[in-house]
Each structure stands twice: as structure tokens, then as C-alpha cells.
């Protein structure tokens, strides 16, 4: 095998491949066009149709779609009643919104370390961080693999906490045969273009709790209602509504909803192909002592969003940056998910310091995100495998 392109060798492929990409087909284009030709571009019938479809998919009683995954987390913590002085426990290996949602309502994010093999939040670490101020846990299904829901549910029930499952990565995943979305007190989804299915931007909160559902509806739409049971005065006519609580304009458009309804029809197809790619990666990389493969718990039938490869620093003579650059020279454009949230300057200003979660920090220092999306060809997958094998072998100690 020739030396890596970064050292003057020949790249494994001529055309760049990126870590993620949406897949749209004619059915998606037609779905959007149908909405554009209809009477409603927003606040129309596609919203209810989508919410019903999400409930049917997941088994949840209620679904509230919204403008994006961050909005979903925000209205979930609002529905949970978090306020100034409360604490919310989450993982540092996530997008910032999983922690920021606490700050939005005046609460304090508390970071619990991860399981070093699954990379998901460690339930024992969650319990160790509970105080009298703890009110909720935001547990992230990192890469699409379900968190240990049984243990987290027991911990939350024991301490009277709300369990919010951040399932931005895990639409289509099931846990012990139950679809994600129907298990936690509230479950949030994201439909950004790099996710398994997309509406461009979009999010949702699913719950079986009627009280949470009513609060989510208000939080999504300015705290405004036309439902008489929530109003303090008698209606003055068909135009009448009241703002009964604080809320935001977090509505999803019918255009987005129409696209997502179409994308949901392809979810099983997307999941099947992603599993095929993950299995090929795992088979190839498990043979290398220079890299580590993410462990999956048997309870999770995972629809994988991201593929994380952890470099074995004891077996390699290069660091993550050099490995990352070498992959780019092979025309494999990777990414890193994620920088620990408390590393950011905004969190430093709030008093957070490095060293809070050593296992999460070790993962960050040594991981890269490899390409994983539905439209990858077998040749694309093999190119990624060849590049990793080539670079890892060349820099092996």
C-alpha cells in the first residue's frame, strides 16, 4: 500500500466525499410542490398530518412539531417547568443546544461523563450529579444509539426528575422493541439535512403526557390559544384569542411538513442502508488495533446517524489533527462530533472549566466522524475503509 497522500502518496479516490448529505427524490419534490400549490403554506393541514404520522411511527400519544431541534428542546424544558435556580443534567458530547436549553429558562446545565465504550451518558454519572436543585435530565442518543433508558428512567423516577430524551440522532431507533419517542417523559427530534430524514430545518417533541402536550402547544405558538378552557374571559367572536403564557414563534411550515411526511416514507430504506454501511465499517475497523469501534448495547436497534471512529493513541504516531488532515488528502472529508460543550468561551464565562468529564474529553481528543449517509455507494464505503486502513497502517507504532 502506498504512503498517504499527505506524505506524497496517491489518494484512494479522485472525488471528495463528505461526512453527511441529504437524500431527496421525486416524491419529495412532488410533496413540496403540492403544498406550494395548496391554500396553506403554514398553519395548515400538513402539520396535523405529520404529527399523526410521527405518533403512528413511534407509538407516542402526542407529537408537537416545531421549527428546529433546538426549539424542540427549549419548549420541552419549558413544559417540564424548569426555571431560575434549577439544574439540568446532560452530556458534554453533544451539540450545544442540549445544554443551552437549560440556560434559555434560567436553569444551570450540569455535565455528567460518558460511558467510554458506548459514548452515551453514563447513568451512574447522572445519579452522582443529582442535587436538591436537579429537575431534569437531557439524555442524548449519541450517534443514534439509544441511551440506557431503563436505568435512566429508574433514576429519574427515584429522584422525581423529568427525563427528556434528546433523540436528534435517533429517529427510527428502537429500545427493547419500543420505538424511540414513546419511552421518555418527552423526546425531541431534529430534522436537519444531515440527519437520517430531513425537512430542511425542523424539530418535534413527543410525549404521552397530556399536561406536557398542552404546554408544548402553547410554548410553540406565542402562548396563544383559541381554546376556551385555557382562556380567562369569554370569547368575543370567531377572531378572539388570548395569550395565556409566554411562548415563541417556533412553528413549522406546511412546506417543511410536506417534505418530512414524504421523507418518513423512506425511513426504513434509509435505516437499512445505514446499517449496511455501519456493519461494513465495523467489520473492517475491528481488525485494526490502531482504532476503536463504538460499542452498541443489545437493547438498541440503532438507526445510526453518525459513525465515530476513535483513534488508539497508544498505537499511532500521529494525533487526531494529523489523521484528520491525512483523510482529507485522500479526499475523505471527515468531521468531529462534538467539542465538549463546556469548552466553549460562553461556558468558560459562566465558570465551567476543562477537566469536568475526563472520559468525554479523551473521546474528543481522539475521535473523527467518518462519512455515513444513504446515498453512499459501495465504492464510496470501500474508499473510506481503504483510507483509514492506509493511514492507520502507515502511522502505526
Protein backbone atom coordinates (compact mmCIF):
# COMPACT_ATOMS: atom_id res chain seq x y z
CA UNK A 1 0.00 0.00 0.00
CA UNK A 2 1.42 3.40 -0.96
CA UNK A 3 2.02 6.07 1.62
CA UNK A 4 -0.77 8.55 2.50
CA UNK A 5 -1.41 11.41 0.08
CA UNK A 6 -0.42 13.86 2.79
CA UNK A 7 3.07 12.30 2.64
CA UNK A 8 3.18 12.46 -1.16
CA UNK A 9 1.28 9.26 -1.94
CA UNK A 10 -1.66 8.78 -4.30
CA UNK A 11 -5.18 9.42 -2.88
CA UNK A 12 -7.56 6.47 -2.67
CA UNK A 13 -10.12 8.43 -4.71
CA UNK A 14 -10.23 11.45 -7.02
CA UNK A 15 -13.57 12.93 -5.96
CA UNK A 16 -14.25 14.29 -2.49
CA UNK A 17 -16.79 12.58 -0.26
CA UNK A 18 -18.25 14.41 2.76
CA UNK A 19 -19.37 13.13 6.15
CA UNK A 20 -23.09 13.61 5.52
CA UNK A 21 -25.62 14.53 2.85
CA UNK A 22 -29.40 14.57 2.48
CA UNK A 23 -31.22 12.34 0.02
CA UNK A 24 -34.23 13.69 -1.88
CA UNK A 25 -36.22 12.02 -4.66
CA UNK A 26 -39.12 12.87 -6.95
CA UNK A 27 -41.66 12.02 -4.25
CA UNK A 28 -40.09 14.69 -2.03
CA UNK A 29 -40.13 17.29 -4.81
CA UNK A 30 -43.76 16.48 -5.58
CA UNK A 31 -44.72 16.70 -1.89
CA UNK A 32 -43.27 20.20 -1.60
CA UNK A 33 -44.82 21.32 -4.89
CA UNK A 34 -48.23 20.06 -3.77
CA UNK A 35 -48.02 22.28 -0.69
CA UNK A 36 -46.86 25.27 -2.73
CA UNK A 37 -49.95 24.84 -4.93
CA UNK A 38 -52.28 24.50 -1.95
CA UNK A 39 -54.08 27.15 0.10
CA UNK A 40 -51.78 26.79 3.10
CA UNK A 41 -48.05 27.38 3.30
CA UNK A 42 -48.11 27.43 7.09
CA UNK A 43 -50.59 26.72 9.92
CA UNK A 44 -52.36 24.30 7.60
CA UNK A 45 -53.40 20.63 7.48
CA UNK A 46 -49.94 19.19 6.81
CA UNK A 47 -48.93 19.92 10.42
CA UNK A 48 -51.62 17.67 11.87
CA UNK A 49 -50.92 15.04 9.22
CA UNK A 50 -47.23 14.99 10.13
CA UNK A 51 -47.90 14.88 13.87
CA UNK A 52 -50.25 11.95 13.41
CA UNK A 53 -47.66 10.16 11.30
CA UNK A 54 -44.97 10.66 13.97
CA UNK A 55 -47.30 9.28 16.62
CA UNK A 56 -48.08 6.25 14.46
CA UNK A 57 -44.35 5.64 13.85
CA UNK A 58 -43.27 5.94 17.47
CA UNK A 59 -46.33 4.88 19.45
CA UNK A 60 -46.36 8.19 21.33
CA UNK A 61 -49.71 9.69 22.25
CA UNK A 62 -48.82 13.25 21.23
CA UNK A 63 -46.43 14.95 18.80
CA UNK A 64 -45.73 18.67 18.53
CA UNK A 65 -43.66 19.67 15.50
CA UNK A 66 -41.67 22.88 15.55
CA UNK A 67 -39.10 24.94 13.67
CA UNK A 68 -35.95 23.00 14.60
CA UNK A 69 -34.41 20.62 17.12
CA UNK A 70 -33.19 23.44 19.35
CA UNK A 71 -36.72 24.86 19.57
CA UNK A 72 -37.91 21.35 20.48
CA UNK A 73 -35.51 21.22 23.42
CA UNK A 74 -36.48 24.73 24.51
CA UNK A 75 -40.20 24.04 24.64
CA UNK A 76 -39.55 20.67 26.30
CA UNK A 77 -37.74 22.28 29.25
CA UNK A 78 -40.45 24.93 29.39
CA UNK A 79 -43.10 22.22 29.60
CA UNK A 80 -41.05 20.49 32.29
CA UNK A 81 -41.25 23.68 34.33
CA UNK A 82 -37.54 24.42 34.67
CA UNK A 83 -36.73 27.89 35.93
CA UNK A 84 -34.04 30.01 37.51
CA UNK A 85 -32.12 28.09 40.17
CA UNK A 86 -32.96 24.63 38.78
CA UNK A 87 -30.35 22.23 37.41
CA UNK A 88 -30.44 20.04 34.32
CA UNK A 89 -28.00 17.16 33.81
CA UNK A 90 -26.75 16.35 30.33
CA UNK A 91 -23.72 15.05 28.43
CA UNK A 92 -20.88 17.26 27.17
CA UNK A 93 -20.55 15.20 23.96
CA UNK A 94 -23.46 16.76 22.10
CA UNK A 95 -24.45 19.81 20.14
CA UNK A 96 -24.62 22.90 22.35
CA UNK A 97 -28.43 23.04 22.30
CA UNK A 98 -28.70 20.04 24.66
CA UNK A 99 -27.21 22.23 27.39
CA UNK A 100 -28.23 25.66 26.14
CA UNK A 101 -31.90 24.78 26.59
CA UNK A 102 -31.31 24.98 30.35
CA UNK A 103 -29.79 28.44 30.02
CA UNK A 104 -32.77 29.62 27.95
CA UNK A 105 -35.03 29.25 31.01
CA UNK A 106 -32.52 30.41 33.61
CA UNK A 107 -31.53 26.92 34.78
CA UNK A 108 -27.99 25.57 35.13
CA UNK A 109 -26.54 22.82 32.92
CA UNK A 110 -24.63 20.14 34.82
CA UNK A 111 -22.38 17.82 32.80
CA UNK A 112 -22.15 14.10 33.55
CA UNK A 113 -19.43 11.97 31.98
CA UNK A 114 -19.93 9.32 29.32
CA UNK A 115 -19.51 5.57 29.10
CA UNK A 116 -16.09 5.25 27.39
CA UNK A 117 -17.27 2.39 25.17
CA UNK A 118 -20.77 3.44 24.04
CA UNK A 119 -20.04 7.20 24.24
CA UNK A 120 -23.54 7.80 25.67
CA UNK A 121 -24.13 9.46 29.02
CA UNK A 122 -23.33 7.12 31.92
CA UNK A 123 -26.38 6.63 34.20
CA UNK A 124 -24.12 6.20 37.24
CA UNK A 125 -22.56 9.59 36.49
CA UNK A 126 -26.03 11.11 36.16
CA UNK A 127 -27.05 9.85 39.59
CA UNK A 128 -23.78 11.07 41.11
CA UNK A 129 -24.54 14.64 39.96
CA UNK A 130 -28.10 14.87 41.31
CA UNK A 131 -28.69 17.57 43.92
CA UNK A 132 -31.77 19.05 45.55
CA UNK A 133 -31.85 21.54 42.64
CA UNK A 134 -31.88 18.92 39.89
CA UNK A 135 -35.16 18.91 37.99
CA UNK A 136 -34.46 17.16 34.67
CA UNK A 137 -32.08 15.03 32.65
CA UNK A 138 -31.46 15.57 28.94
CA UNK A 139 -30.05 12.24 27.75
CA UNK A 140 -28.68 12.30 24.20
CA UNK A 141 -28.94 9.27 21.91
CA UNK A 142 -25.45 9.97 20.61
CA UNK A 143 -24.86 8.79 17.01
CA UNK A 144 -28.37 7.29 17.02
CA UNK A 145 -27.81 4.63 19.66
CA UNK A 146 -30.39 4.72 22.43
CA UNK A 147 -29.22 5.65 25.91
CA UNK A 148 -29.72 3.12 28.72
CA UNK A 149 -33.36 4.06 29.09
CA UNK A 150 -34.26 1.52 31.77
CA UNK A 151 -31.56 2.73 34.15
CA UNK A 152 -32.18 6.41 33.42
CA UNK A 153 -35.93 6.01 33.84
CA UNK A 154 -35.44 4.31 37.22
CA UNK A 155 -33.05 7.06 38.36
CA UNK A 156 -35.42 9.83 37.28
CA UNK A 157 -38.43 8.20 38.95
CA UNK A 158 -36.44 7.64 42.15
CA UNK A 159 -35.46 11.31 42.34
CA UNK A 160 -38.61 12.86 40.85
CA UNK A 161 -36.89 14.15 37.69
CA UNK A 162 -38.22 14.72 34.19
CA UNK A 163 -36.45 12.57 31.60
CA UNK A 164 -36.06 14.36 28.27
CA UNK A 165 -34.52 12.17 25.59
CA UNK A 166 -32.64 14.23 23.01
CA UNK A 167 -33.16 11.97 20.01
CA UNK A 168 -31.88 14.37 17.37
CA UNK A 169 -29.77 11.46 16.07
CA UNK A 170 -32.11 8.53 16.59
CA UNK A 171 -35.32 8.74 14.57
CA UNK A 172 -36.07 5.12 13.66
CA UNK A 173 -34.12 3.60 16.56
CA UNK A 174 -35.91 1.25 18.94
CA UNK A 175 -35.09 0.20 22.50
CA UNK A 176 -36.16 -3.28 23.59
CA UNK A 177 -38.62 -3.33 20.72
CA UNK A 178 -40.20 0.05 21.55
CA UNK A 179 -39.65 2.94 19.17
CA UNK A 180 -37.76 5.94 20.44
CA UNK A 181 -40.30 8.68 21.03
CA UNK A 182 -42.65 6.66 23.20
CA UNK A 183 -40.47 5.92 26.24
CA UNK A 184 -39.08 9.05 27.94
CA UNK A 185 -41.28 11.74 29.52
CA UNK A 186 -40.54 13.82 26.44
CA UNK A 187 -38.48 13.01 23.36
CA UNK A 188 -37.10 15.61 20.95
CA UNK A 189 -36.19 15.11 17.29
CA UNK A 190 -34.24 17.17 14.78
CA UNK A 191 -34.73 17.09 11.01
CA UNK A 192 -31.65 18.99 9.86
CA UNK A 193 -30.35 17.91 6.41
CA UNK A 194 -27.52 15.74 7.78
CA UNK A 195 -29.95 13.71 9.91
CA UNK A 196 -31.49 10.44 8.73
CA UNK A 197 -34.60 12.25 7.44
CA UNK A 198 -34.97 15.96 6.81
CA UNK A 199 -37.42 18.79 6.41
CA UNK A 200 -34.61 21.29 5.75
CA UNK A 201 -34.96 22.59 9.28
CA UNK A 202 -37.45 21.19 11.73
CA UNK A 203 -37.98 19.51 15.05
CA UNK A 204 -40.56 17.73 17.17
CA UNK A 205 -41.38 16.86 20.76
CA UNK A 206 -43.20 13.61 21.51
CA UNK A 207 -44.87 12.73 24.80
CA UNK A 208 -47.51 10.51 26.37
CA UNK A 209 -48.28 13.16 28.99
CA UNK A 210 -51.40 15.26 28.33
CA UNK A 211 -50.25 18.14 30.55
CA UNK A 212 -46.89 18.40 28.81
CA UNK A 213 -48.65 18.28 25.45
CA UNK A 214 -50.84 21.26 26.25
CA UNK A 215 -47.85 23.26 27.49
CA UNK A 216 -45.84 22.36 24.38
CA UNK A 217 -48.60 23.63 22.11
CA UNK A 218 -48.66 26.97 23.91
CA UNK A 219 -44.87 27.31 24.01
CA UNK A 220 -44.64 26.65 20.25
CA UNK A 221 -47.04 29.45 19.31
CA UNK A 222 -46.56 32.59 21.40
CA UNK A 223 -48.51 31.20 24.36
CA UNK A 224 -51.63 31.96 22.33
CA UNK A 225 -54.78 29.84 22.34
CA UNK A 226 -58.31 29.85 20.97
CA UNK A 227 -59.33 27.00 23.27
CA UNK A 228 -61.93 28.32 25.73
CA UNK A 229 -60.80 26.01 28.53
CA UNK A 230 -57.49 27.90 28.74
CA UNK A 231 -58.96 31.41 28.47
CA UNK A 232 -59.77 33.68 31.38
CA UNK A 233 -62.54 35.55 29.52
CA UNK A 234 -65.48 34.62 27.33
CA UNK A 235 -64.76 34.66 23.61
CA UNK A 236 -65.82 37.85 21.84
CA UNK A 237 -66.21 36.14 18.48
CA UNK A 238 -64.52 33.86 15.89
CA UNK A 239 -61.50 36.18 15.77
CA UNK A 240 -60.86 36.05 19.51
CA UNK A 241 -57.77 34.51 21.10
CA UNK A 242 -55.75 35.05 24.26
CA UNK A 243 -52.09 34.94 25.14
CA UNK A 244 -52.19 32.94 28.36
CA UNK A 245 -48.50 32.16 28.82
CA UNK A 246 -45.08 33.07 27.45
CA UNK A 247 -44.35 31.37 24.15
CA UNK A 248 -42.35 31.73 20.94
CA UNK A 249 -42.84 31.55 17.20
CA UNK A 250 -41.48 28.04 16.81
CA UNK A 251 -43.99 26.84 14.23
CA UNK A 252 -43.05 24.53 11.37
CA UNK A 253 -44.34 25.46 7.91
CA UNK A 254 -46.57 23.19 5.84
CA UNK A 255 -43.82 23.20 3.21
CA UNK A 256 -41.43 21.57 5.68
CA UNK A 257 -44.12 19.24 6.95
CA UNK A 258 -44.96 18.08 3.44
CA UNK A 259 -41.31 17.25 2.80
CA UNK A 260 -40.96 15.40 6.09
CA UNK A 261 -44.09 13.33 5.52
CA UNK A 262 -42.53 12.14 2.27
CA UNK A 263 -39.15 11.52 3.93
CA UNK A 264 -40.79 9.40 6.64
CA UNK A 265 -41.96 7.02 3.92
CA UNK A 266 -38.28 6.28 3.22
CA UNK A 267 -37.15 5.90 6.83
CA UNK A 268 -36.87 2.10 6.75
CA UNK A 269 -34.97 2.28 3.48
CA UNK A 270 -32.57 4.84 4.94
CA UNK A 271 -32.14 2.82 8.13
CA UNK A 272 -31.37 -0.39 6.21
CA UNK A 273 -28.66 1.21 4.10
CA UNK A 274 -27.06 2.99 7.04
CA UNK A 275 -26.92 -0.32 8.91
CA UNK A 276 -25.20 -1.95 5.93
CA UNK A 277 -22.54 0.76 5.89
CA UNK A 278 -22.02 0.61 9.66
CA UNK A 279 -21.63 -3.18 9.51
CA UNK A 280 -19.00 -2.89 6.77
CA UNK A 281 -17.12 -0.26 8.75
CA UNK A 282 -17.28 -2.30 11.95
CA UNK A 283 -16.07 -5.45 10.24
CA UNK A 284 -13.09 -3.66 8.69
CA UNK A 285 -12.08 -1.48 11.62
CA UNK A 286 -12.47 -4.17 14.28
CA UNK A 287 -9.46 -5.86 12.71
CA UNK A 288 -7.23 -2.84 13.36
CA UNK A 289 -5.56 -2.28 16.73
CA UNK A 290 -4.91 1.35 15.80
CA UNK A 291 -8.57 2.38 16.05
CA UNK A 292 -11.55 1.63 18.30
CA UNK A 293 -15.13 0.90 17.23
CA UNK A 294 -18.08 2.28 19.21
CA UNK A 295 -19.80 -0.37 21.31
CA UNK A 296 -23.53 -0.88 20.83
CA UNK A 297 -25.80 -2.10 23.60
CA UNK A 298 -28.01 -5.06 22.61
CA UNK A 299 -31.17 -3.24 23.73
CA UNK A 300 -30.77 -0.64 20.96
CA UNK A 301 -31.76 -1.45 17.38
CA UNK A 302 -29.94 1.59 16.08
CA UNK A 303 -30.67 3.77 13.07
CA UNK A 304 -27.19 5.29 13.02
CA UNK A 305 -26.82 8.98 12.23
CA UNK A 306 -23.05 9.30 12.79
CA UNK A 307 -20.15 6.90 12.59
CA UNK A 308 -17.47 7.73 15.15
CA UNK A 309 -14.02 6.21 14.94
CA UNK A 310 -11.78 6.61 17.98
CA UNK A 311 -8.05 6.58 17.34
CA UNK A 312 -5.92 4.41 19.65
CA UNK A 313 -3.31 6.98 20.63
CA UNK A 314 -1.09 4.29 22.13
CA UNK A 315 -0.80 2.58 18.75
CA UNK A 316 -0.45 5.61 16.46
CA UNK A 317 2.43 8.01 15.95
CA UNK A 318 0.12 10.87 14.89
CA UNK A 319 -2.56 12.86 16.67
CA UNK A 320 -6.15 13.34 15.59
CA UNK A 321 -5.42 16.52 13.60
CA UNK A 322 -2.75 14.83 11.52
CA UNK A 323 -5.00 11.81 10.93
CA UNK A 324 -7.90 14.13 10.01
CA UNK A 325 -5.73 16.03 7.51
CA UNK A 326 -4.45 12.78 6.05
CA UNK A 327 -8.04 11.65 5.44
CA UNK A 328 -8.77 14.96 3.70
CA UNK A 329 -5.73 14.45 1.47
CA UNK A 330 -7.31 11.13 0.47
CA UNK A 331 -10.46 13.12 -0.47
CA UNK A 332 -12.40 11.76 2.52
CA UNK A 333 -13.73 14.87 4.27
CA UNK A 334 -14.48 13.93 7.87
CA UNK A 335 -15.79 15.93 10.81
CA UNK A 336 -15.64 15.80 14.61
CA UNK A 337 -18.78 15.40 16.79
CA UNK A 338 -18.54 17.04 19.24
CA UNK A 339 -16.39 19.57 21.02
CA UNK A 340 -17.32 19.22 24.72
CA UNK A 341 -19.93 21.90 25.34
CA UNK A 342 -18.18 23.37 28.37
CA UNK A 343 -15.04 24.03 26.28
CA UNK A 344 -16.79 26.94 24.56
CA UNK A 345 -15.90 30.51 25.61
CA UNK A 346 -19.54 31.22 26.53
CA UNK A 347 -19.42 28.40 29.07
CA UNK A 348 -16.00 29.47 30.32
CA UNK A 349 -17.54 32.88 31.05
CA UNK A 350 -20.12 31.06 33.18
CA UNK A 351 -17.37 29.41 35.22
CA UNK A 352 -17.08 25.97 33.60
CA UNK A 353 -13.57 24.56 33.35
CA UNK A 354 -11.91 21.72 31.49
CA UNK A 355 -11.47 18.50 33.42
CA UNK A 356 -15.15 18.07 34.37
CA UNK A 357 -15.64 14.91 32.31
CA UNK A 358 -12.30 13.15 31.63
CA UNK A 359 -13.77 10.30 29.57
CA UNK A 360 -15.63 12.70 27.31
CA UNK A 361 -12.52 14.82 26.89
CA UNK A 362 -10.43 11.77 25.97
CA UNK A 363 -13.01 10.79 23.36
CA UNK A 364 -13.00 14.28 21.86
CA UNK A 365 -9.20 14.34 21.61
CA UNK A 366 -9.10 11.07 19.66
CA UNK A 367 -12.24 10.82 17.52
CA UNK A 368 -13.23 11.58 13.97
CA UNK A 369 -16.59 11.31 12.23
CA UNK A 370 -16.50 9.24 9.04
CA UNK A 371 -18.89 9.64 6.09
CA UNK A 372 -22.26 7.96 6.61
CA UNK A 373 -25.38 8.64 4.56
CA UNK A 374 -27.92 6.76 2.46
CA UNK A 375 -26.59 7.64 -0.99
CA UNK A 376 -23.06 6.36 -0.36
CA UNK A 377 -22.15 3.71 -2.92
CA UNK A 378 -20.30 0.52 -2.06
CA UNK A 379 -17.27 2.09 -3.76
CA UNK A 380 -17.57 5.16 -1.52
CA UNK A 381 -17.67 2.95 1.56
CA UNK A 382 -14.65 0.99 0.40
CA UNK A 383 -12.75 4.23 -0.24
CA UNK A 384 -13.32 5.27 3.39
CA UNK A 385 -12.19 1.86 4.64
CA UNK A 386 -9.13 1.93 2.39
CA UNK A 387 -8.16 5.43 3.51
CA UNK A 388 -8.46 4.63 7.23
CA UNK A 389 -6.56 1.36 6.82
CA UNK A 390 -3.86 3.01 4.73
CA UNK A 391 -3.29 5.91 7.14
CA UNK A 392 -3.55 3.82 10.30
CA UNK A 393 -1.08 1.27 8.93
CA UNK A 394 1.41 3.91 7.80
CA UNK A 395 1.39 5.69 11.17
CA UNK A 396 1.20 2.55 13.30
CA UNK A 397 3.83 2.48 16.05
